[in-house]
Protein backbone atom coordinates (compact mmCIF):
# COMPACT_ATOMS: atom_id res chain seq x y z
CA UNK A 1 0.00 0.00 0.00
CA UNK A 2 1.53 3.40 -1.01
CA UNK A 3 2.20 5.96 1.67
CA UNK A 4 0.36 9.27 1.64
CA UNK A 5 2.45 12.30 0.74
CA UNK A 6 2.25 15.05 3.34
CA UNK A 7 4.32 17.71 1.60
CA UNK A 8 6.83 17.77 4.43
CA UNK A 9 10.06 15.89 5.03
CA UNK A 10 12.29 15.62 8.05
CA UNK A 11 15.82 16.86 7.62
CA UNK A 12 18.71 16.80 10.08
CA UNK A 13 20.35 20.19 10.44
CA UNK A 14 23.33 21.23 12.54
CA UNK A 15 22.24 22.53 15.94
CA UNK A 16 24.13 25.79 15.35
CA UNK A 17 22.10 26.47 12.18
CA UNK A 18 18.82 25.74 13.99
CA UNK A 19 19.83 28.13 16.78
CA UNK A 20 20.74 30.83 14.26
CA UNK A 21 17.39 30.32 12.52
CA UNK A 22 15.57 30.56 15.85
CA UNK A 23 17.30 33.86 16.65
CA UNK A 24 16.67 35.29 13.18
CA UNK A 25 13.04 34.10 13.14
CA UNK A 26 11.91 35.81 16.35
CA UNK A 27 12.00 39.45 15.21
CA UNK A 28 10.42 38.46 11.88
CA UNK A 29 7.67 36.47 13.62
CA UNK A 30 8.55 33.34 11.66
CA UNK A 31 8.81 29.80 12.86
CA UNK A 32 12.24 28.15 12.79
CA UNK A 33 11.08 26.09 9.81
CA UNK A 34 9.76 29.24 8.14
CA UNK A 35 13.11 30.96 8.62
CA UNK A 36 15.00 28.02 7.12
CA UNK A 37 12.53 28.02 4.18
CA UNK A 38 13.09 31.76 3.73
CA UNK A 39 16.86 31.31 3.72
CA UNK A 40 16.56 28.42 1.26
CA UNK A 41 14.38 30.49 -1.07
CA UNK A 42 16.74 33.43 -0.83
CA UNK A 43 19.70 31.14 -1.46
CA UNK A 44 18.08 29.66 -4.57
CA UNK A 45 17.47 33.11 -6.00
CA UNK A 46 21.00 34.27 -5.24
CA UNK A 47 22.59 31.10 -6.58
CA UNK A 48 20.62 31.07 -9.83
CA UNK A 49 20.74 34.79 -10.57
CA UNK A 50 24.15 35.93 -9.43
CA UNK A 51 22.56 38.59 -7.22
CA UNK A 52 23.88 39.76 -3.92
CA UNK A 53 21.81 38.72 -0.90
CA UNK A 54 20.57 42.32 -0.52
CA UNK A 55 19.49 42.49 -4.16
CA UNK A 56 17.62 39.18 -3.78
CA UNK A 57 15.88 40.38 -0.58
CA UNK A 58 14.84 43.58 -2.35
CA UNK A 59 13.55 41.61 -5.34
CA UNK A 60 11.52 39.31 -3.08
CA UNK A 61 10.06 42.23 -1.12
CA UNK A 62 9.19 44.18 -4.27
CA UNK A 63 7.65 41.15 -5.94
CA UNK A 64 5.63 40.29 -2.83
CA UNK A 65 4.35 43.87 -2.55
CA UNK A 66 3.37 43.90 -6.24
CA UNK A 67 1.57 40.58 -5.84
CA UNK A 68 -0.38 41.95 -2.86
CA UNK A 69 -1.34 45.07 -4.82
CA UNK A 70 -2.51 42.90 -7.72
CA UNK A 71 -4.82 40.94 -5.40
CA UNK A 72 -6.72 43.61 -3.46
CA UNK A 73 -9.23 41.11 -2.02
CA UNK A 74 -6.53 39.08 -0.30
CA UNK A 75 -5.58 39.85 3.28
CA UNK A 76 -2.03 39.81 4.64
CA UNK A 77 -0.83 36.19 4.84
CA UNK A 78 -0.71 34.72 8.33
CA UNK A 79 2.58 32.96 7.67
CA UNK A 80 4.59 35.17 5.32
CA UNK A 81 7.35 32.60 4.85
CA UNK A 82 4.83 30.02 3.60
CA UNK A 83 3.17 32.61 1.38
CA UNK A 84 6.51 33.73 -0.02
CA UNK A 85 7.59 30.17 -0.71
CA UNK A 86 4.31 29.43 -2.49
CA UNK A 87 4.64 32.59 -4.59
CA UNK A 88 8.25 31.80 -5.38
CA UNK A 89 7.42 28.28 -6.52
CA UNK A 90 4.56 29.51 -8.71
CA UNK A 91 6.48 32.32 -10.39
CA UNK A 92 9.70 30.31 -10.62
CA UNK A 93 7.90 28.10 -13.15
CA UNK A 94 6.56 30.90 -15.35
CA UNK A 95 9.70 33.09 -15.34
CA UNK A 96 8.04 36.21 -13.94
CA UNK A 97 10.19 36.19 -10.80
CA UNK A 98 13.37 36.00 -12.87
CA UNK A 99 12.13 38.95 -14.93
CA UNK A 100 11.34 40.96 -11.79
CA UNK A 101 14.77 40.15 -10.37
CA UNK A 102 16.40 41.39 -13.58
CA UNK A 103 14.36 44.61 -13.34
CA UNK A 104 15.39 45.21 -9.72
CA UNK A 105 19.05 44.53 -10.51
CA UNK A 106 18.96 46.92 -13.48
CA UNK A 107 17.29 49.58 -11.34
CA UNK A 108 19.81 49.14 -8.52
CA UNK A 109 22.72 49.33 -10.94
CA UNK A 110 21.30 52.52 -12.49
CA UNK A 111 20.92 54.06 -9.03
CA UNK A 112 24.48 53.06 -8.09
CA UNK A 113 25.84 54.46 -11.34
CA UNK A 114 23.94 57.74 -10.87
CA UNK A 115 25.17 58.03 -7.28
CA UNK A 116 28.79 57.53 -8.29
CA UNK A 117 28.61 59.98 -11.21
C-alpha cells in the first residue's frame, strides 16, 4: 500500500544552524522552519541569478508587494514565509520572478551608477 504524501520531510540540520534560525526568526515572527525556508528560497534566487543577498531580498520584497497590490481582495498572509515560498514556486515556473529580479538589478545598478557619477 503506497504511503500518503504530506508535503513535508524531516531533515537533520546542525544545531548551530537551527539556533541561528531561531534567533533570526523571532524578530520576523517566523517559525524556525519558516526561517529556514526563507533562507533556502533566498539562497536559490541568489545562486541562480548571481545577485547579492541584498538584491535578492529587495527583489523578493518588491515582488511580494506587487503581488499583494494585484490581489486587493486578499488579506495579509498569516505565515509570510509560507506565502513567499508558495509565490516563489509559482512564479519560478513561469519566469516572472526572474524577470522581476532582472528589473530590480537593473534599477539598482542605475541608481548606483547615478550616485557615483
